[in-house]
PDB file of N, CA and C in Angstrom:
ATOM      1  N   MET A   1      -2.204 -15.027  -7.996  1.00  0.00           N
ATOM      2  CA  MET A   1      -0.919 -14.831  -7.358  1.00  0.00           C
ATOM      3  C   MET A   1      -0.917 -13.554  -6.503  1.00  0.00           C
ATOM      4  N   PHE A   2      -1.461 -12.453  -7.048  1.00  0.00           N
ATOM      5  CA  PHE A   2      -1.507 -11.184  -6.289  1.00  0.00           C
ATOM      6  C   PHE A   2      -2.259 -11.348  -4.980  1.00  0.00           C
ATOM      7  N   ASN A   3      -3.403 -12.020  -5.032  1.00  0.00           N
ATOM      8  CA  ASN A   3      -4.223 -12.183  -3.827  1.00  0.00           C
ATOM      9  C   ASN A   3      -3.463 -12.939  -2.775  1.00  0.00           C
ATOM     10  N   GLU A   4      -2.763 -13.970  -3.179  1.00  0.00           N
ATOM     11  CA  GLU A   4      -1.965 -14.792  -2.209  1.00  0.00           C
ATOM     12  C   GLU A   4      -0.920 -13.939  -1.522  1.00  0.00           C
ATOM     13  N   ILE A   5      -0.219 -13.103  -2.296  1.00  0.00           N
ATOM     14  CA  ILE A   5       0.810 -12.250  -1.698  1.00  0.00           C
ATOM     15  C   ILE A   5       0.214 -11.219  -0.752  1.00  0.00           C
ATOM     16  N   LEU A   6      -0.857 -10.549  -1.213  1.00  0.00           N
ATOM     17  CA  LEU A   6      -1.511  -9.554  -0.378  1.00  0.00           C
ATOM     18  C   LEU A   6      -2.080 -10.152   0.906  1.00  0.00           C
ATOM     19  N   GLN A   7      -2.679 -11.342   0.813  1.00  0.00           N
ATOM     20  CA  GLN A   7      -3.216 -12.023   1.965  1.00  0.00           C
ATOM     21  C   GLN A   7      -2.091 -12.309   2.953  1.00  0.00           C
ATOM     22  N   GLY A   8      -0.962 -12.785   2.459  1.00  0.00           N
ATOM     23  CA  GLY A   8       0.173 -13.079   3.348  1.00  0.00           C
ATOM     24  C   GLY A   8       0.646 -11.858   4.084  1.00  0.00           C
ATOM     25  N   ILE A   9       0.748 -10.724   3.373  1.00  0.00           N
ATOM     26  CA  ILE A   9       1.189  -9.489   4.007  1.00  0.00           C
ATOM     27  C   ILE A   9       0.224  -9.073   5.118  1.00  0.00           C
ATOM     28  N   VAL A  10      -1.071  -9.083   4.809  1.00  0.00           N
ATOM     29  CA  VAL A  10      -2.078  -8.676   5.797  1.00  0.00           C
ATOM     30  C   VAL A  10      -2.069  -9.585   6.996  1.00  0.00           C
ATOM     31  N   GLN A  11      -2.060 -10.882   6.794  1.00  0.00           N
ATOM     32  CA  GLN A  11      -2.199 -11.833   7.886  1.00  0.00           C
ATOM     33  C   GLN A  11      -0.915 -11.939   8.740  1.00  0.00           C
ATOM     34  N   GLN A  12       0.225 -11.714   8.129  1.00  0.00           N
ATOM     35  CA  GLN A  12       1.486 -11.850   8.858  1.00  0.00           C
ATOM     36  C   GLN A  12       1.913 -10.534   9.555  1.00  0.00           C
ATOM     37  N   SER A  13       1.288  -9.419   9.202  1.00  0.00           N
ATOM     38  CA  SER A  13       1.767  -8.147   9.676  1.00  0.00           C
ATOM     39  C   SER A  13       1.390  -7.873  11.141  1.00  0.00           C
ATOM     40  N   GLY A  14       0.384  -8.520  11.645  1.00  0.00           N
ATOM     41  CA  GLY A  14      -0.063  -8.269  13.007  1.00  0.00           C
ATOM     42  C   GLY A  14      -0.889  -7.002  13.032  1.00  0.00           C
ATOM     43  N   GLY A  15      -2.156  -7.134  12.956  1.00  0.00           N
ATOM     44  CA  GLY A  15      -3.034  -5.962  12.945  1.00  0.00           C
ATOM     45  C   GLY A  15      -3.402  -5.500  11.548  1.00  0.00           C
ATOM     46  N   GLY A  16      -3.024  -6.284  10.553  1.00  0.00           N
ATOM     47  CA  GLY A  16      -3.340  -5.929   9.171  1.00  0.00           C
ATOM     48  C   GLY A  16      -4.849  -5.973   8.917  1.00  0.00           C
ATOM     49  N   ILE A  17      -5.361  -4.969   8.252  1.00  0.00           N
ATOM     50  CA  ILE A  17      -6.761  -4.920   7.885  1.00  0.00           C
ATOM     51  C   ILE A  17      -6.981  -5.242   6.415  1.00  0.00           C
ATOM     52  N   GLY A  18      -6.091  -4.720   5.578  1.00  0.00           N
ATOM     53  CA  GLY A  18      -6.226  -5.007   4.155  1.00  0.00           C
ATOM     54  C   GLY A  18      -5.015  -4.477   3.404  1.00  0.00           C
ATOM     55  N   ALA A  19      -4.913  -4.957   2.150  1.00  0.00           N
ATOM     56  CA  ALA A  19      -3.839  -4.528   1.249  1.00  0.00           C
ATOM     57  C   ALA A  19      -4.439  -4.425  -0.132  1.00  0.00           C
ATOM     58  N   VAL A  20      -3.947  -3.471  -0.904  1.00  0.00           N
ATOM     59  CA  VAL A  20      -4.423  -3.316  -2.268  1.00  0.00           C
ATOM     60  C   VAL A  20      -3.253  -2.992  -3.199  1.00  0.00           C
ATOM     61  N   LEU A  21      -3.290  -3.664  -4.338  1.00  0.00           N
ATOM     62  CA  LEU A  21      -2.331  -3.397  -5.407  1.00  0.00           C
ATOM     63  C   LEU A  21      -3.066  -2.522  -6.393  1.00  0.00           C
ATOM     64  N   MET A  22      -2.495  -1.338  -6.657  1.00  0.00           N
ATOM     65  CA  MET A  22      -3.272  -0.336  -7.429  1.00  0.00           C
ATOM     66  C   MET A  22      -2.371   0.477  -8.338  1.00  0.00           C
ATOM     67  N   GLY A  23      -2.968   0.931  -9.444  1.00  0.00           N
ATOM     68  CA  GLY A  23      -2.267   1.833 -10.319  1.00  0.00           C
ATOM     69  C   GLY A  23      -2.492   3.278  -9.874  1.00  0.00           C
ATOM     70  N   TYR A  24      -1.630   4.173 -10.292  1.00  0.00           N
ATOM     71  CA  TYR A  24      -1.820   5.604  -9.974  1.00  0.00           C
ATOM     72  C   TYR A  24      -3.064   6.173 -10.587  1.00  0.00           C
ATOM     73  N   ASP A  25      -3.633   5.442 -11.554  1.00  0.00           N
ATOM     74  CA  ASP A  25      -4.876   5.888 -12.160  1.00  0.00           C
ATOM     75  C   ASP A  25      -6.094   5.578 -11.295  1.00  0.00           C
ATOM     76  N   GLY A  26      -5.844   4.920 -10.131  1.00  0.00           N
ATOM     77  CA  GLY A  26      -6.933   4.644  -9.216  1.00  0.00           C
ATOM     78  C   GLY A  26      -7.640   3.327  -9.450  1.00  0.00           C
ATOM     79  N   ILE A  27      -7.154   2.557 -10.421  1.00  0.00           N
ATOM     80  CA  ILE A  27      -7.765   1.260 -10.732  1.00  0.00           C
ATOM     81  C   ILE A  27      -7.009   0.163  -9.946  1.00  0.00           C
ATOM     82  N   ALA A  28      -7.791  -0.545  -9.129  1.00  0.00           N
ATOM     83  CA  ALA A  28      -7.175  -1.662  -8.328  1.00  0.00           C
ATOM     84  C   ALA A  28      -6.985  -2.873  -9.198  1.00  0.00           C
ATOM     85  N   ILE A  29      -5.825  -3.478  -9.063  1.00  0.00           N
ATOM     86  CA  ILE A  29      -5.489  -4.714  -9.724  1.00  0.00           C
ATOM     87  C   ILE A  29      -6.004  -5.854  -8.885  1.00  0.00           C
ATOM     88  N   GLU A  30      -5.751  -5.793  -7.573  1.00  0.00           N
ATOM     89  CA  GLU A  30      -6.203  -6.839  -6.642  1.00  0.00           C
ATOM     90  C   GLU A  30      -6.232  -6.216  -5.242  1.00  0.00           C
ATOM     91  N   GLU A  31      -7.122  -6.745  -4.412  1.00  0.00           N
ATOM     92  CA  GLU A  31      -7.143  -6.345  -3.016  1.00  0.00           C
ATOM     93  C   GLU A  31      -7.534  -7.519  -2.142  1.00  0.00           C
ATOM     94  N   TYR A  32      -7.087  -7.466  -0.902  1.00  0.00           N
ATOM     95  CA  TYR A  32      -7.435  -8.476   0.053  1.00  0.00           C
ATOM     96  C   TYR A  32      -7.721  -7.742   1.375  1.00  0.00           C
ATOM     97  N   SER A  33      -8.787  -8.114   2.063  1.00  0.00           N
ATOM     98  CA  SER A  33      -9.069  -7.469   3.349  1.00  0.00           C
ATOM     99  C   SER A  33      -9.691  -8.463   4.328  1.00  0.00           C
ATOM    100  N   GLU A  34      -9.413  -8.232   5.581  1.00  0.00           N
ATOM    101  CA  GLU A  34     -10.036  -8.982   6.662  1.00  0.00           C
ATOM    102  C   GLU A  34     -11.374  -8.272   6.963  1.00  0.00           C
ATOM    103  N   PRO A  35     -12.379  -9.016   7.418  1.00  0.00           N
ATOM    104  CA  PRO A  35     -13.638  -8.372   7.768  1.00  0.00           C
ATOM    105  C   PRO A  35     -13.428  -7.312   8.850  1.00  0.00           C
ATOM    106  N   THR A  36     -13.703  -6.065   8.484  1.00  0.00           N
ATOM    107  CA  THR A  36     -13.539  -4.927   9.403  1.00  0.00           C
ATOM    108  C   THR A  36     -14.600  -3.902   9.134  1.00  0.00           C
ATOM    109  N   GLU A  37     -15.213  -3.419  10.202  1.00  0.00           N
ATOM    110  CA  GLU A  37     -16.230  -2.393  10.054  1.00  0.00           C
ATOM    111  C   GLU A  37     -15.575  -1.007  10.039  1.00  0.00           C
ATOM    112  N   GLY A  38     -16.184  -0.102   9.327  1.00  0.00           N
ATOM    113  CA  GLY A  38     -15.752   1.286   9.396  1.00  0.00           C
ATOM    114  C   GLY A  38     -14.673   1.719   8.427  1.00  0.00           C
ATOM    115  N   ILE A  39     -14.301   0.870   7.477  1.00  0.00           N
ATOM    116  CA  ILE A  39     -13.317   1.272   6.467  1.00  0.00           C
ATOM    117  C   ILE A  39     -13.649   0.632   5.126  1.00  0.00           C
ATOM    118  N   ASP A  40     -13.572   1.449   4.110  1.00  0.00           N
ATOM    119  CA  ASP A  40     -13.779   0.996   2.737  1.00  0.00           C
ATOM    120  C   ASP A  40     -12.386   0.983   2.093  1.00  0.00           C
ATOM    121  N   LEU A  41     -11.779  -0.191   2.068  1.00  0.00           N
ATOM    122  CA  LEU A  41     -10.391  -0.325   1.592  1.00  0.00           C
ATOM    123  C   LEU A  41     -10.186   0.256   0.199  1.00  0.00           C
ATOM    124  N   HIS A  42     -11.136  -0.028  -0.686  1.00  0.00           N
ATOM    125  CA  HIS A  42     -11.001   0.445  -2.055  1.00  0.00           C
ATOM    126  C   HIS A  42     -11.060   1.975  -2.104  1.00  0.00           C
ATOM    127  N   MET A  43     -11.956   2.587  -1.352  1.00  0.00           N
ATOM    128  CA  MET A  43     -12.047   4.055  -1.354  1.00  0.00           C
ATOM    129  C   MET A  43     -10.795   4.665  -0.782  1.00  0.00           C
ATOM    130  N   VAL A  44     -10.234   4.076   0.274  1.00  0.00           N
ATOM    131  CA  VAL A  44      -9.014   4.587   0.836  1.00  0.00           C
ATOM    132  C   VAL A  44      -7.892   4.602  -0.197  1.00  0.00           C
ATOM    133  N   ALA A  45      -7.784   3.495  -0.916  1.00  0.00           N
ATOM    134  CA  ALA A  45      -6.732   3.362  -1.918  1.00  0.00           C
ATOM    135  C   ALA A  45      -6.930   4.358  -3.066  1.00  0.00           C
ATOM    136  N   VAL A  46      -8.158   4.512  -3.532  1.00  0.00           N
ATOM    137  CA  VAL A  46      -8.423   5.469  -4.632  1.00  0.00           C
ATOM    138  C   VAL A  46      -8.051   6.887  -4.207  1.00  0.00           C
ATOM    139  N   GLU A  47      -8.475   7.275  -3.020  1.00  0.00           N
ATOM    140  CA  GLU A  47      -8.183   8.639  -2.555  1.00  0.00           C
ATOM    141  C   GLU A  47      -6.698   8.873  -2.346  1.00  0.00           C
ATOM    142  N   TYR A  48      -5.995   7.902  -1.784  1.00  0.00           N
ATOM    143  CA  TYR A  48      -4.572   8.072  -1.573  1.00  0.00           C
ATOM    144  C   TYR A  48      -3.776   7.991  -2.898  1.00  0.00           C
ATOM    145  N   ALA A  49      -4.324   7.342  -3.915  1.00  0.00           N
ATOM    146  CA  ALA A  49      -3.677   7.347  -5.233  1.00  0.00           C
ATOM    147  C   ALA A  49      -3.519   8.767  -5.742  1.00  0.00           C
ATOM    148  N   ASN A  50      -4.574   9.584  -5.541  1.00  0.00           N
ATOM    149  CA  ASN A  50      -4.480  10.977  -5.982  1.00  0.00           C
ATOM    150  C   ASN A  50      -3.412  11.746  -5.231  1.00  0.00           C
ATOM    151  N   VAL A  51      -3.349  11.523  -3.943  1.00  0.00           N
ATOM    152  CA  VAL A  51      -2.307  12.167  -3.128  1.00  0.00           C
ATOM    153  C   VAL A  51      -0.927  11.728  -3.516  1.00  0.00           C
ATOM    154  N   LEU A  52      -0.791  10.420  -3.776  1.00  0.00           N
ATOM    155  CA  LEU A  52       0.548   9.885  -4.178  1.00  0.00           C
ATOM    156  C   LEU A  52       1.020  10.508  -5.489  1.00  0.00           C
ATOM    157  N   LYS A  53       0.117  10.717  -6.424  1.00  0.00           N
ATOM    158  CA  LYS A  53       0.511  11.341  -7.704  1.00  0.00           C
ATOM    159  C   LYS A  53       1.135  12.731  -7.418  1.00  0.00           C
ATOM    160  N   GLU A  54       0.533  13.459  -6.507  1.00  0.00           N
ATOM    161  CA  GLU A  54       1.064  14.788  -6.192  1.00  0.00           C
ATOM    162  C   GLU A  54       2.426  14.715  -5.474  1.00  0.00           C
ATOM    163  N   ILE A  55       2.573  13.777  -4.583  1.00  0.00           N
ATOM    164  CA  ILE A  55       3.847  13.585  -3.890  1.00  0.00           C
ATOM    165  C   ILE A  55       4.926  13.196  -4.871  1.00  0.00           C
ATOM    166  N   LYS A  56       4.583  12.274  -5.748  1.00  0.00           N
ATOM    167  CA  LYS A  56       5.520  11.807  -6.785  1.00  0.00           C
ATOM    168  C   LYS A  56       5.951  12.945  -7.688  1.00  0.00           C
ATOM    169  N   ASN A  57       5.023  13.745  -8.138  1.00  0.00           N
ATOM    170  CA  ASN A  57       5.340  14.890  -8.969  1.00  0.00           C
ATOM    171  C   ASN A  57       6.215  15.902  -8.259  1.00  0.00           C
ATOM    172  N   THR A  58       5.918  16.137  -6.988  1.00  0.00           N
ATOM    173  CA  THR A  58       6.690  17.088  -6.180  1.00  0.00           C
ATOM    174  C   THR A  58       8.131  16.586  -6.010  1.00  0.00           C
ATOM    175  N   ALA A  59       8.291  15.329  -5.740  1.00  0.00           N
ATOM    176  CA  ALA A  59       9.651  14.744  -5.603  1.00  0.00           C
ATOM    177  C   ALA A  59      10.426  14.894  -6.888  1.00  0.00           C
ATOM    178  N   GLU A  60       9.765  14.716  -8.018  1.00  0.00           N
ATOM    179  CA  GLU A  60      10.429  14.868  -9.314  1.00  0.00           C
ATOM    180  C   GLU A  60      10.821  16.329  -9.574  1.00  0.00           C
ATOM    181  N   ILE A  61       9.910  17.256  -9.288  1.00  0.00           N
ATOM    182  CA  ILE A  61      10.204  18.671  -9.464  1.00  0.00           C
ATOM    183  C   ILE A  61      11.374  19.134  -8.607  1.00  0.00           C
ATOM    184  N   LEU A  62      11.415  18.674  -7.355  1.00  0.00           N
ATOM    185  CA  LEU A  62      12.494  19.038  -6.446  1.00  0.00           C
ATOM    186  C   LEU A  62      13.746  18.211  -6.654  1.00  0.00           C
ATOM    187  N   ASP A  63      13.698  17.245  -7.545  1.00  0.00           N
ATOM    188  CA  ASP A  63      14.819  16.400  -7.867  1.00  0.00           C
ATOM    189  C   ASP A  63      15.396  15.722  -6.603  1.00  0.00           C
ATOM    190  N   ASN A  64      14.456  15.207  -5.776  1.00  0.00           N
ATOM    191  CA  ASN A  64      14.810  14.546  -4.532  1.00  0.00           C
ATOM    192  C   ASN A  64      15.053  13.065  -4.715  1.00  0.00           C
ATOM    193  N   GLY A  65      14.920  12.550  -5.904  1.00  0.00           N
ATOM    194  CA  GLY A  65      15.022  11.118  -6.123  1.00  0.00           C
ATOM    195  C   GLY A  65      13.653  10.512  -6.239  1.00  0.00           C
ATOM    196  N   ASP A  66      13.594   9.222  -6.513  1.00  0.00           N
ATOM    197  CA  ASP A  66      12.337   8.545  -6.707  1.00  0.00           C
ATOM    198  C   ASP A  66      11.634   8.276  -5.369  1.00  0.00           C
ATOM    199  N   MET A  67      10.332   8.420  -5.342  1.00  0.00           N
ATOM    200  CA  MET A  67       9.546   8.103  -4.164  1.00  0.00           C
ATOM    201  C   MET A  67       9.551   6.615  -3.975  1.00  0.00           C
ATOM    202  N   GLU A  68       9.772   6.158  -2.742  1.00  0.00           N
ATOM    203  CA  GLU A  68       9.802   4.726  -2.473  1.00  0.00           C
ATOM    204  C   GLU A  68       8.667   4.301  -1.540  1.00  0.00           C
ATOM    205  N   GLU A  69       8.398   5.117  -0.541  1.00  0.00           N
ATOM    206  CA  GLU A  69       7.417   4.722   0.480  1.00  0.00           C
ATOM    207  C   GLU A  69       6.775   5.982   1.089  1.00  0.00           C
ATOM    208  N   VAL A  70       5.487   5.842   1.412  1.00  0.00           N
ATOM    209  CA  VAL A  70       4.767   6.892   2.112  1.00  0.00           C
ATOM    210  C   VAL A  70       4.001   6.244   3.264  1.00  0.00           C
ATOM    211  N   SER A  71       4.064   6.857   4.429  1.00  0.00           N
ATOM    212  CA  SER A  71       3.324   6.351   5.598  1.00  0.00           C
ATOM    213  C   SER A  71       2.384   7.451   6.064  1.00  0.00           C
ATOM    214  N   ILE A  72       1.154   7.019   6.386  1.00  0.00           N
ATOM    215  CA  ILE A  72       0.133   7.955   6.846  1.00  0.00           C
ATOM    216  C   ILE A  72      -0.414   7.385   8.152  1.00  0.00           C
ATOM    217  N   LYS A  73      -0.472   8.242   9.172  1.00  0.00           N
ATOM    218  CA  LYS A  73      -0.975   7.806  10.480  1.00  0.00           C
ATOM    219  C   LYS A  73      -2.210   8.633  10.804  1.00  0.00           C
ATOM    220  N   THR A  74      -3.339   7.924  11.071  1.00  0.00           N
ATOM    221  CA  THR A  74      -4.548   8.615  11.444  1.00  0.00           C
ATOM    222  C   THR A  74      -4.921   8.157  12.868  1.00  0.00           C
ATOM    223  N   ASP A  75      -6.007   8.668  13.387  1.00  0.00           N
ATOM    224  CA  ASP A  75      -6.437   8.278  14.717  1.00  0.00           C
ATOM    225  C   ASP A  75      -6.712   6.785  14.818  1.00  0.00           C
ATOM    226  N   ARG A  76      -7.138   6.182  13.718  1.00  0.00           N
ATOM    227  CA  ARG A  76      -7.576   4.785  13.757  1.00  0.00           C
ATOM    228  C   ARG A  76      -6.658   3.817  12.989  1.00  0.00           C
ATOM    229  N   PHE A  77      -5.920   4.310  12.026  1.00  0.00           N
ATOM    230  CA  PHE A  77      -5.154   3.402  11.160  1.00  0.00           C
ATOM    231  C   PHE A  77      -3.765   3.928  10.813  1.00  0.00           C
ATOM    232  N   TYR A  78      -2.938   2.971  10.400  1.00  0.00           N
ATOM    233  CA  TYR A  78      -1.698   3.283   9.693  1.00  0.00           C
ATOM    234  C   TYR A  78      -1.918   2.877   8.261  1.00  0.00           C
ATOM    235  N   VAL A  79      -1.463   3.673   7.303  1.00  0.00           N
ATOM    236  CA  VAL A  79      -1.469   3.306   5.901  1.00  0.00           C
ATOM    237  C   VAL A  79      -0.027   3.388   5.455  1.00  0.00           C
ATOM    238  N   VAL A  80       0.496   2.255   4.969  1.00  0.00           N
ATOM    239  CA  VAL A  80       1.854   2.190   4.483  1.00  0.00           C
ATOM    240  C   VAL A  80       1.791   1.897   2.991  1.00  0.00           C
ATOM    241  N   ILE A  81       2.401   2.777   2.179  1.00  0.00           N
ATOM    242  CA  ILE A  81       2.324   2.636   0.759  1.00  0.00           C
ATOM    243  C   ILE A  81       3.737   2.421   0.206  1.00  0.00           C
ATOM    244  N   ARG A  82       3.920   1.394  -0.572  1.00  0.00           N
ATOM    245  CA  ARG A  82       5.215   1.064  -1.184  1.00  0.00           C
ATOM    246  C   ARG A  82       5.075   1.168  -2.706  1.00  0.00           C
ATOM    247  N   VAL A  83       5.931   1.986  -3.289  1.00  0.00           N
ATOM    248  CA  VAL A  83       5.958   2.139  -4.729  1.00  0.00           C
ATOM    249  C   VAL A  83       6.593   0.885  -5.363  1.00  0.00           C
ATOM    250  N   LEU A  84       5.937   0.373  -6.422  1.00  0.00           N
ATOM    251  CA  LEU A  84       6.447  -0.814  -7.088  1.00  0.00           C
ATOM    252  C   LEU A  84       7.105  -0.451  -8.425  1.00  0.00           C
ATOM    253  N   THR A  85       6.371   0.341  -9.231  1.00  0.00           N
ATOM    254  CA  THR A  85       6.836   0.780 -10.520  1.00  0.00           C
ATOM    255  C   THR A  85       6.381   2.213 -10.764  1.00  0.00           C
ATOM    256  N   ASP A  86       6.660   2.724 -11.945  1.00  0.00           N
ATOM    257  CA  ASP A  86       6.184   4.082 -12.260  1.00  0.00           C
ATOM    258  C   ASP A  86       4.648   4.106 -12.356  1.00  0.00           C
ATOM    259  N   ASP A  87       4.043   2.944 -12.485  1.00  0.00           N
ATOM    260  CA  ASP A  87       2.586   2.888 -12.663  1.00  0.00           C
ATOM    261  C   ASP A  87       1.824   2.277 -11.506  1.00  0.00           C
ATOM    262  N   TYR A  88       2.477   1.518 -10.629  1.00  0.00           N
ATOM    263  CA  TYR A  88       1.765   0.744  -9.604  1.00  0.00           C
ATOM    264  C   TYR A  88       2.395   0.917  -8.193  1.00  0.00           C
ATOM    265  N   PHE A  89       1.541   0.772  -7.195  1.00  0.00           N
ATOM    266  CA  PHE A  89       1.957   0.765  -5.815  1.00  0.00           C
ATOM    267  C   PHE A  89       1.119  -0.250  -5.046  1.00  0.00           C
ATOM    268  N   VAL A  90       1.594  -0.587  -3.844  1.00  0.00           N
ATOM    269  CA  VAL A  90       0.832  -1.478  -2.954  1.00  0.00           C
ATOM    270  C   VAL A  90       0.624  -0.720  -1.632  1.00  0.00           C
ATOM    271  N   ALA A  91      -0.566  -0.780  -1.088  1.00  0.00           N
ATOM    272  CA  ALA A  91      -0.902  -0.107   0.143  1.00  0.00           C
ATOM    273  C   ALA A  91      -1.352  -1.119   1.165  1.00  0.00           C
ATOM    274  N   LEU A  92      -0.875  -0.983   2.398  1.00  0.00           N
ATOM    275  CA  LEU A  92      -1.266  -1.819   3.519  1.00  0.00           C
ATOM    276  C   LEU A  92      -1.908  -0.962   4.565  1.00  0.00           C
ATOM    277  N   ILE A  93      -3.103  -1.353   4.999  1.00  0.00           N
ATOM    278  CA  ILE A  93      -3.837  -0.660   6.041  1.00  0.00           C
ATOM    279  C   ILE A  93      -3.748  -1.505   7.323  1.00  0.00           C
ATOM    280  N   LEU A  94      -3.245  -0.891   8.406  1.00  0.00           N
ATOM    281  CA  LEU A  94      -3.082  -1.575   9.696  1.00  0.00           C
ATOM    282  C   LEU A  94      -3.912  -0.865  10.750  1.00  0.00           C
ATOM    283  N   ASP A  95      -4.415  -1.629  11.702  1.00  0.00           N
ATOM    284  CA  ASP A  95      -5.030  -1.070  12.882  1.00  0.00           C
ATOM    285  C   ASP A  95      -3.956  -0.366  13.654  1.00  0.00           C
ATOM    286  N   ARG A  96      -4.316   0.667  14.413  1.00  0.00           N
ATOM    287  CA  ARG A  96      -3.326   1.426  15.156  1.00  0.00           C
ATOM    288  C   ARG A  96      -2.582   0.560  16.190  1.00  0.00           C
ATOM    289  N   ALA A  97      -3.220  -0.534  16.618  1.00  0.00           N
ATOM    290  CA  ALA A  97      -2.545  -1.430  17.545  1.00  0.00           C
ATOM    291  C   ALA A  97      -1.668  -2.435  16.795  1.00  0.00           C
ATOM    292  N   GLY A  98      -1.643  -2.368  15.460  1.00  0.00           N
ATOM    293  CA  GLY A  98      -0.910  -3.314  14.623  1.00  0.00           C
ATOM    294  C   GLY A  98       0.588  -3.040  14.660  1.00  0.00           C
ATOM    295  N   ASN A  99       1.334  -3.955  14.061  1.00  0.00           N
ATOM    296  CA  ASN A  99       2.774  -3.869  14.015  1.00  0.00           C
ATOM    297  C   ASN A  99       3.238  -3.129  12.757  1.00  0.00           C
ATOM    298  N   PHE A 100       3.372  -1.815  12.880  1.00  0.00           N
ATOM    299  CA  PHE A 100       3.757  -0.938  11.769  1.00  0.00           C
ATOM    300  C   PHE A 100       5.088  -1.366  11.144  1.00  0.00           C
ATOM    301  N   GLY A 101       6.067  -1.624  11.989  1.00  0.00           N
ATOM    302  CA  GLY A 101       7.397  -2.017  11.472  1.00  0.00           C
ATOM    303  C   GLY A 101       7.365  -3.321  10.671  1.00  0.00           C
ATOM    304  N   LYS A 102       6.637  -4.295  11.189  1.00  0.00           N
ATOM    305  CA  LYS A 102       6.540  -5.548  10.474  1.00  0.00           C
ATOM    306  C   LYS A 102       5.792  -5.393   9.140  1.00  0.00           C
ATOM    307  N   GLY A 103       4.763  -4.534   9.154  1.00  0.00           N
ATOM    308  CA  GLY A 103       4.043  -4.258   7.916  1.00  0.00           C
ATOM    309  C   GLY A 103       4.950  -3.641   6.871  1.00  0.00           C
ATOM    310  N   ARG A 104       5.768  -2.683   7.269  1.00  0.00           N
ATOM    311  CA  ARG A 104       6.736  -2.079   6.330  1.00  0.00           C
ATOM    312  C   ARG A 104       7.718  -3.095   5.821  1.00  0.00           C
ATOM    313  N   TYR A 105       8.225  -3.936   6.736  1.00  0.00           N
ATOM    314  CA  TYR A 105       9.154  -4.984   6.342  1.00  0.00           C
ATOM    315  C   TYR A 105       8.547  -5.915   5.306  1.00  0.00           C
ATOM    316  N   LEU A 106       7.319  -6.358   5.548  1.00  0.00           N
ATOM    317  CA  LEU A 106       6.670  -7.310   4.636  1.00  0.00           C
ATOM    318  C   LEU A 106       6.428  -6.669   3.279  1.00  0.00           C
ATOM    319  N   LEU A 107       6.050  -5.396   3.230  1.00  0.00           N
ATOM    320  CA  LEU A 107       5.844  -4.721   1.948  1.00  0.00           C
ATOM    321  C   LEU A 107       7.167  -4.678   1.172  1.00  0.00           C
ATOM    322  N   THR A 108       8.256  -4.358   1.864  1.00  0.00           N
ATOM    323  CA  THR A 108       9.556  -4.307   1.221  1.00  0.00           C
ATOM    324  C   THR A 108      10.001  -5.672   0.723  1.00  0.00           C
ATOM    325  N   LYS A 109       9.782  -6.674   1.572  1.00  0.00           N
ATOM    326  CA  LYS A 109      10.169  -8.053   1.232  1.00  0.00           C
ATOM    327  C   LYS A 109       9.397  -8.582   0.049  1.00  0.00           C
ATOM    328  N   GLU A 110       8.124  -8.312  -0.004  1.00  0.00           N
ATOM    329  CA  GLU A 110       7.267  -8.878  -1.071  1.00  0.00           C
ATOM    330  C   GLU A 110       7.219  -8.014  -2.339  1.00  0.00           C
ATOM    331  N   ALA A 111       7.757  -6.814  -2.272  1.00  0.00           N
ATOM    332  CA  ALA A 111       7.726  -5.935  -3.461  1.00  0.00           C
ATOM    333  C   ALA A 111       8.331  -6.588  -4.696  1.00  0.00           C
ATOM    334  N   PRO A 112       9.475  -7.260  -4.631  1.00  0.00           N
ATOM    335  CA  PRO A 112      10.022  -7.902  -5.829  1.00  0.00           C
ATOM    336  C   PRO A 112       9.079  -8.956  -6.444  1.00  0.00           C
ATOM    337  N   ARG A 113       8.396  -9.718  -5.601  1.00  0.00           N
ATOM    338  CA  ARG A 113       7.440 -10.693  -6.149  1.00  0.00           C
ATOM    339  C   ARG A 113       6.271 -10.031  -6.841  1.00  0.00           C
ATOM    340  N   LEU A 114       5.779  -8.917  -6.280  1.00  0.00           N
ATOM    341  CA  LEU A 114       4.681  -8.197  -6.909  1.00  0.00           C
ATOM    342  C   LEU A 114       5.128  -7.604  -8.221  1.00  0.00           C
ATOM    343  N   ILE A 115       6.337  -7.018  -8.249  1.00  0.00           N
ATOM    344  CA  ILE A 115       6.865  -6.419  -9.473  1.00  0.00           C
ATOM    345  C   ILE A 115       7.016  -7.480 -10.556  1.00  0.00           C
ATOM    346  N   GLU A 116       7.561  -8.642 -10.176  1.00  0.00           N
ATOM    347  CA  GLU A 116       7.725  -9.732 -11.138  1.00  0.00           C
ATOM    348  C   GLU A 116       6.382 -10.179 -11.696  1.00  0.00           C
ATOM    349  N   ALA A 117       5.390 -10.269 -10.854  1.00  0.00           N
ATOM    350  CA  ALA A 117       4.067 -10.712 -11.282  1.00  0.00           C
ATOM    351  C   ALA A 117       3.380  -9.672 -12.183  1.00  0.00           C
ATOM    352  N   LEU A 118       3.720  -8.389 -11.998  1.00  0.00           N
ATOM    353  CA  LEU A 118       3.196  -7.332 -12.853  1.00  0.00           C
ATOM    354  C   LEU A 118       3.786  -7.371 -14.244  1.00  0.00           C
ATOM    355  N   SER A 119       4.988  -7.926 -14.349  1.00  0.00           N
ATOM    356  CA  SER A 119       5.670  -7.946 -15.679  1.00  0.00           C
ATOM    357  C   SER A 119       5.040  -8.882 -16.656  1.00  0.00           C
TER     358      SER A 119
END
């Protein structure tokens, strides 16, 4: 079920390269990617999991509310991360020519299905 949801997000987003459902511990539950040179989806997710833990802790310390989404823009990619639970998040990697807004929308739309499947 996870793979089907992730595949839908990647293929419908326009410019989607891959998506990964992962725990903050850096262990991937599921991932889906289109054939793309020059990016290791799993490594990207593992490294950003460490950064997300720090952002989450900082938001808690500052009492800013719960972290919901983080977006990262690089020279080559957009990375959109949607928090699902206290333990899991989903990350979407898009080509810079991809549809960032649609990717964000699809992550938000599919988040309840992913949360339900995690239960």
